[in-house]
Amino acid sequence: MEHATPEGTSAAPGARPIAAVLAVKGLADAKTRLSPVVPAAARRALVLAMMSDTITAARASGIDDIVVVTPDPEVSAAARRHGARVVADAPAGVADPAMSSLSSLNRALARGIDAAIGSLDARIVVLQADLPALRAEHLRAAIARAHGHRQAIVTDRSGSGTAMLIVGDTTDVMPRFGVGSAQAHRDAGAVDLVAEGGESWPDLRTDVDTVDDLAAAMTLGVGRATAQVLAEVGLGSLASTPTPHAS
């Protein structure tokens, strides 16, 4: 496992460090639901760009350590260029028997969580890796609001999925991402920060799987790497204000 020196800082002196965990599939399976508007080669570039913008915002929010779990060497190289540590995803059929009941995504996230806890004894923030509109200040605010909760979530823009899981008590962590994950996390005791009221953080909730998701992210304003790929594909017409933001 490759270790990088954390560049961010925790919210307060002496505070427990914070680690973000992201999982990215192999690029051969990259975002097929975007195929009506994004060609295959550009989808690969888009996945890398969205991951890069997500990592950049996480770094700017003050997160101390970022772990990316992936089986793909190109994703690994891009993650390292942005200062993330990389954990190799287990090939199909050789997963830890203790995690055999988990989906491939949740197995990957569990591996990343274990790596993050082992290095820092950190609070864990599990993020979708395709949040190109993410603002550092909103991520920082969500983490702050989760303080004191054993687990908390930020739902995706549909309300049924999970864009972010914040884990304070890492003695028994079981990610439950996938269809209906918001309810699954709530059933496991996670506090729904969006349902609690206050800011809804639309940028933090807009992970990109479909053309509608992409249009929503572009309307919010995507990060520089994603904006560049979209400009090269000529997709400015999908949204009303596809303006890149600084983080």
Protein backbone atom coordinates (compact mmCIF):
# COMPACT_ATOMS: atom_id res chain seq x y z
CA MET A 1 0.00 0.00 0.00
CA GLU A 2 1.39 3.43 -0.89
CA HIS A 3 1.29 6.15 1.73
CA ALA A 4 1.30 9.86 1.09
CA THR A 5 1.85 12.60 3.61
CA PRO A 6 -1.52 14.16 4.51
CA GLU A 7 -1.71 17.79 3.41
CA GLY A 8 -4.94 18.92 5.01
CA THR A 9 -5.59 19.85 8.62
CA SER A 10 -8.34 18.86 11.02
CA ALA A 11 -10.90 21.41 12.01
CA ALA A 12 -9.29 22.23 15.41
CA PRO A 13 -5.94 21.68 17.14
CA GLY A 14 -5.90 18.28 18.80
CA ALA A 15 -9.03 17.21 16.92
CA ARG A 16 -9.27 13.69 15.62
CA PRO A 17 -8.03 13.56 12.02
CA ILE A 18 -10.47 13.09 9.14
CA ALA A 19 -9.96 10.70 6.24
CA ALA A 20 -12.01 10.53 3.04
CA VAL A 21 -12.58 7.22 1.26
CA LEU A 22 -13.60 7.00 -2.41
CA ALA A 23 -14.08 3.95 -4.64
CA VAL A 24 -13.72 4.06 -8.43
CA LYS A 25 -14.49 1.17 -10.78
CA GLY A 26 -12.34 0.21 -13.71
CA LEU A 27 -12.56 2.67 -16.60
CA ALA A 28 -13.79 -0.04 -18.96
CA ASP A 29 -17.15 0.26 -17.13
CA ALA A 30 -17.11 4.04 -17.03
CA LYS A 31 -20.49 5.79 -16.85
CA THR A 32 -22.32 3.91 -19.60
CA ARG A 33 -25.57 5.76 -18.83
CA LEU A 34 -23.92 8.92 -20.15
CA SER A 35 -23.39 7.30 -23.56
CA PRO A 36 -26.22 9.30 -25.25
CA VAL A 37 -24.17 12.50 -24.86
CA VAL A 38 -20.58 11.47 -24.00
CA PRO A 39 -18.53 9.15 -26.27
CA ALA A 40 -16.74 6.19 -24.68
CA ALA A 41 -13.23 7.70 -24.70
CA ALA A 42 -14.53 10.95 -23.23
CA ARG A 43 -16.40 9.04 -20.51
CA ARG A 44 -13.08 7.60 -19.31
CA ALA A 45 -11.63 11.11 -19.18
CA LEU A 46 -14.77 12.37 -17.44
CA VAL A 47 -14.52 9.76 -14.67
CA LEU A 48 -10.93 10.81 -13.98
CA ALA A 49 -11.86 14.48 -14.08
CA MET A 50 -14.81 14.10 -11.69
CA MET A 51 -12.63 12.13 -9.28
CA SER A 52 -9.95 14.82 -9.52
CA ASP A 53 -12.45 17.59 -8.76
CA THR A 54 -13.87 15.61 -5.84
CA ILE A 55 -10.38 15.05 -4.39
CA THR A 56 -9.49 18.73 -4.92
CA ALA A 57 -12.58 19.88 -3.02
CA ALA A 58 -11.93 17.36 -0.24
CA ARG A 59 -8.36 18.62 0.13
CA ALA A 60 -9.55 22.23 0.20
CA SER A 61 -12.09 21.39 2.92
CA GLY A 62 -9.26 20.44 5.29
CA ILE A 63 -9.54 16.65 5.12
CA ASP A 64 -6.28 15.12 6.35
CA ASP A 65 -6.04 11.94 4.29
CA ILE A 66 -7.70 10.69 1.12
CA VAL A 67 -7.88 7.00 0.19
CA VAL A 68 -8.98 5.87 -3.27
CA VAL A 69 -9.85 2.20 -3.81
CA THR A 70 -9.69 1.04 -7.41
CA PRO A 71 -8.63 -1.90 -9.58
CA ASP A 72 -7.63 0.42 -12.43
CA PRO A 73 -4.00 1.52 -12.94
CA GLU A 74 -5.01 4.71 -14.76
CA VAL A 75 -7.31 5.72 -11.90
CA SER A 76 -4.55 4.85 -9.44
CA ALA A 77 -2.05 7.08 -11.23
CA ALA A 78 -4.49 10.00 -11.36
CA ALA A 79 -5.36 9.63 -7.67
CA ARG A 80 -1.67 9.64 -6.69
CA ARG A 81 -1.05 12.75 -8.78
CA HIS A 82 -3.63 14.48 -6.60
CA GLY A 83 -1.98 13.33 -3.37
CA ALA A 84 -4.35 10.47 -2.53
CA ARG A 85 -3.27 7.10 -1.20
CA VAL A 86 -4.34 4.17 -3.35
CA VAL A 87 -5.65 0.83 -2.13
CA ALA A 88 -5.93 -1.92 -4.72
CA ASP A 89 -9.43 -3.31 -5.02
CA ALA A 90 -9.57 -7.08 -4.66
CA PRO A 91 -10.18 -8.88 -7.98
CA ALA A 92 -13.52 -10.64 -8.34
CA GLY A 93 -13.56 -14.02 -6.63
CA VAL A 94 -10.78 -13.31 -4.13
CA ALA A 95 -12.56 -10.99 -1.73
CA ASP A 96 -12.22 -11.44 2.02
CA PRO A 97 -14.78 -14.12 3.03
CA ALA A 98 -15.84 -11.87 5.92
CA MET A 99 -17.12 -9.35 3.35
CA SER A 100 -18.68 -11.84 0.95
CA SER A 101 -22.20 -10.60 1.65
CA LEU A 102 -21.33 -7.05 0.56
CA SER A 103 -21.70 -5.65 -2.94
CA SER A 104 -18.50 -4.99 -4.89
CA LEU A 105 -18.81 -1.26 -4.14
CA ASN A 106 -19.24 -1.80 -0.42
CA ARG A 107 -16.38 -4.31 -0.32
CA ALA A 108 -14.15 -1.72 -1.95
CA LEU A 109 -15.26 0.97 0.49
CA ALA A 110 -14.71 -1.38 3.44
CA ARG A 111 -11.14 -1.95 2.27
CA GLY A 112 -10.58 1.79 2.05
CA ILE A 113 -12.11 2.40 5.47
CA ASP A 114 -9.83 -0.21 7.02
CA ALA A 115 -6.80 1.44 5.41
CA ALA A 116 -7.85 4.91 6.61
CA ILE A 117 -8.52 3.77 10.18
CA GLY A 118 -5.26 1.86 10.29
CA SER A 119 -3.17 4.85 9.30
CA LEU A 120 -4.73 7.64 11.35
CA ASP A 121 -7.44 6.34 13.71
CA ALA A 122 -9.49 8.91 11.82
CA ARG A 123 -13.08 9.94 11.55
CA ILE A 124 -14.17 8.60 8.18
CA VAL A 125 -15.94 10.42 5.38
CA VAL A 126 -17.08 8.10 2.61
CA LEU A 127 -17.68 10.13 -0.53
CA GLN A 128 -19.01 9.31 -3.94
CA ALA A 129 -16.12 9.84 -6.36
CA ASP A 130 -18.28 11.61 -8.96
CA LEU A 131 -19.19 14.89 -7.26
CA PRO A 132 -17.82 17.39 -9.80
CA ALA A 133 -19.79 20.35 -8.40
CA LEU A 134 -18.63 19.77 -4.81
CA ARG A 135 -17.71 22.93 -2.85
CA ALA A 136 -15.13 22.63 -0.11
CA GLU A 137 -17.09 24.89 2.24
CA HIS A 138 -20.20 22.70 1.99
CA LEU A 139 -18.24 19.52 2.63
CA ARG A 140 -16.63 21.20 5.65
CA ALA A 141 -20.05 22.29 6.92
CA ALA A 142 -21.54 18.81 6.58
CA ILE A 143 -18.62 17.23 8.45
CA ALA A 144 -18.99 19.82 11.21
CA ARG A 145 -22.72 19.16 11.50
CA ALA A 146 -22.06 15.43 11.84
CA HIS A 147 -19.81 15.98 14.86
CA GLY A 148 -21.04 14.02 17.86
CA HIS A 149 -23.04 11.51 15.81
CA ARG A 150 -21.90 7.89 15.61
CA GLN A 151 -22.80 7.93 11.91
CA ALA A 152 -24.46 10.49 9.67
CA ILE A 153 -25.37 10.70 6.00
CA VAL A 154 -26.02 13.26 3.30
CA THR A 155 -28.53 11.85 0.83
CA ASP A 156 -28.16 12.23 -2.92
CA ARG A 157 -30.43 14.57 -4.85
CA SER A 158 -33.08 11.84 -5.29
CA GLY A 159 -33.23 11.37 -1.52
CA SER A 160 -32.96 7.59 -1.80
CA GLY A 161 -29.22 7.22 -2.29
CA THR A 162 -26.23 8.29 -0.21
CA ALA A 163 -23.74 10.88 -1.41
CA MET A 164 -21.75 10.92 1.82
CA LEU A 165 -21.40 8.82 4.96
CA ILE A 166 -19.61 10.31 7.98
CA VAL A 167 -18.45 7.81 10.58
CA GLY A 168 -17.43 8.95 14.04
CA ASP A 169 -17.47 5.58 15.79
CA THR A 170 -15.24 3.34 13.70
CA THR A 171 -15.43 0.28 15.93
CA ASP A 172 -17.98 -1.36 13.64
CA VAL A 173 -18.29 0.23 10.20
CA MET A 174 -20.49 -1.32 7.53
CA PRO A 175 -21.04 0.77 4.37
CA ARG A 176 -24.46 0.26 2.79
CA PHE A 177 -24.17 2.09 -0.54
CA GLY A 178 -26.34 1.03 -3.47
CA VAL A 179 -30.05 1.08 -4.29
CA GLY A 180 -32.03 2.38 -1.31
CA SER A 181 -28.86 3.11 0.64
CA ALA A 182 -30.20 6.18 2.43
CA GLN A 183 -32.85 4.14 4.21
CA ALA A 184 -30.40 1.30 4.84
CA HIS A 185 -27.99 3.72 6.52
CA ARG A 186 -30.80 5.31 8.54
CA ASP A 187 -32.00 1.86 9.63
CA ALA A 188 -28.46 1.19 10.86
CA GLY A 189 -28.62 4.29 13.05
CA ALA A 190 -27.16 7.00 10.80
CA VAL A 191 -28.54 10.50 11.24
CA ASP A 192 -29.85 12.08 8.03
CA LEU A 193 -28.29 15.55 8.01
CA VAL A 194 -30.49 16.77 5.16
CA ALA A 195 -33.69 15.67 6.93
CA GLU A 196 -32.50 17.51 10.05
CA GLY A 197 -32.94 20.76 8.15
CA GLY A 198 -30.75 23.70 7.31
CA GLU A 199 -28.64 23.85 4.17
CA SER A 200 -29.29 21.09 1.65
CA TRP A 201 -25.84 21.32 -0.07
CA PRO A 202 -27.03 20.55 -3.64
CA ASP A 203 -23.45 20.32 -4.91
CA LEU A 204 -22.61 17.67 -2.32
CA ARG A 205 -25.73 15.71 -3.27
CA THR A 206 -25.21 15.68 -7.05
CA ASP A 207 -23.26 12.56 -7.94
CA VAL A 208 -23.27 11.91 -11.66
CA ASP A 209 -24.63 8.68 -13.16
CA THR A 210 -27.17 9.88 -15.72
CA VAL A 211 -27.50 12.66 -18.28
CA ASP A 212 -29.93 14.45 -15.93
CA ASP A 213 -27.35 14.23 -13.12
CA LEU A 214 -24.70 15.69 -15.38
CA ALA A 215 -26.97 18.57 -16.40
CA ALA A 216 -27.75 19.26 -12.74
CA ALA A 217 -24.04 19.32 -11.84
CA MET A 218 -23.25 21.62 -14.76
CA THR A 219 -26.01 24.01 -13.70
CA LEU A 220 -24.46 24.18 -10.23
CA GLY A 221 -21.02 24.73 -11.74
CA VAL A 222 -18.45 21.94 -12.00
CA GLY A 223 -14.78 21.90 -11.08
CA ARG A 224 -12.06 22.83 -13.52
CA ALA A 225 -11.04 19.33 -14.61
CA THR A 226 -14.63 18.31 -15.36
CA ALA A 227 -15.35 21.61 -17.12
CA GLN A 228 -12.38 21.06 -19.41
CA VAL A 229 -13.53 17.58 -20.46
CA LEU A 230 -17.07 18.79 -21.06
CA ALA A 231 -15.82 21.71 -23.13
CA GLU A 232 -13.78 19.34 -25.28
CA VAL A 233 -16.90 17.24 -25.89
CA GLY A 234 -18.98 20.34 -26.61
CA LEU A 235 -21.54 19.85 -23.85
CA GLY A 236 -22.10 23.41 -22.71
CA SER A 237 -25.75 23.27 -23.82
CA LEU A 238 -26.75 20.72 -21.16
CA ALA A 239 -27.04 23.34 -18.43
CA SER A 240 -27.90 26.94 -17.94
CA THR A 241 -24.69 27.99 -16.17
CA PRO A 242 -21.85 25.48 -16.75
CA THR A 243 -19.30 27.72 -15.02
CA PRO A 244 -16.21 26.12 -13.48
CA HIS A 245 -15.60 26.87 -9.80
CA ALA A 246 -12.28 27.31 -8.09
CA SER A 247 -12.23 24.18 -5.94
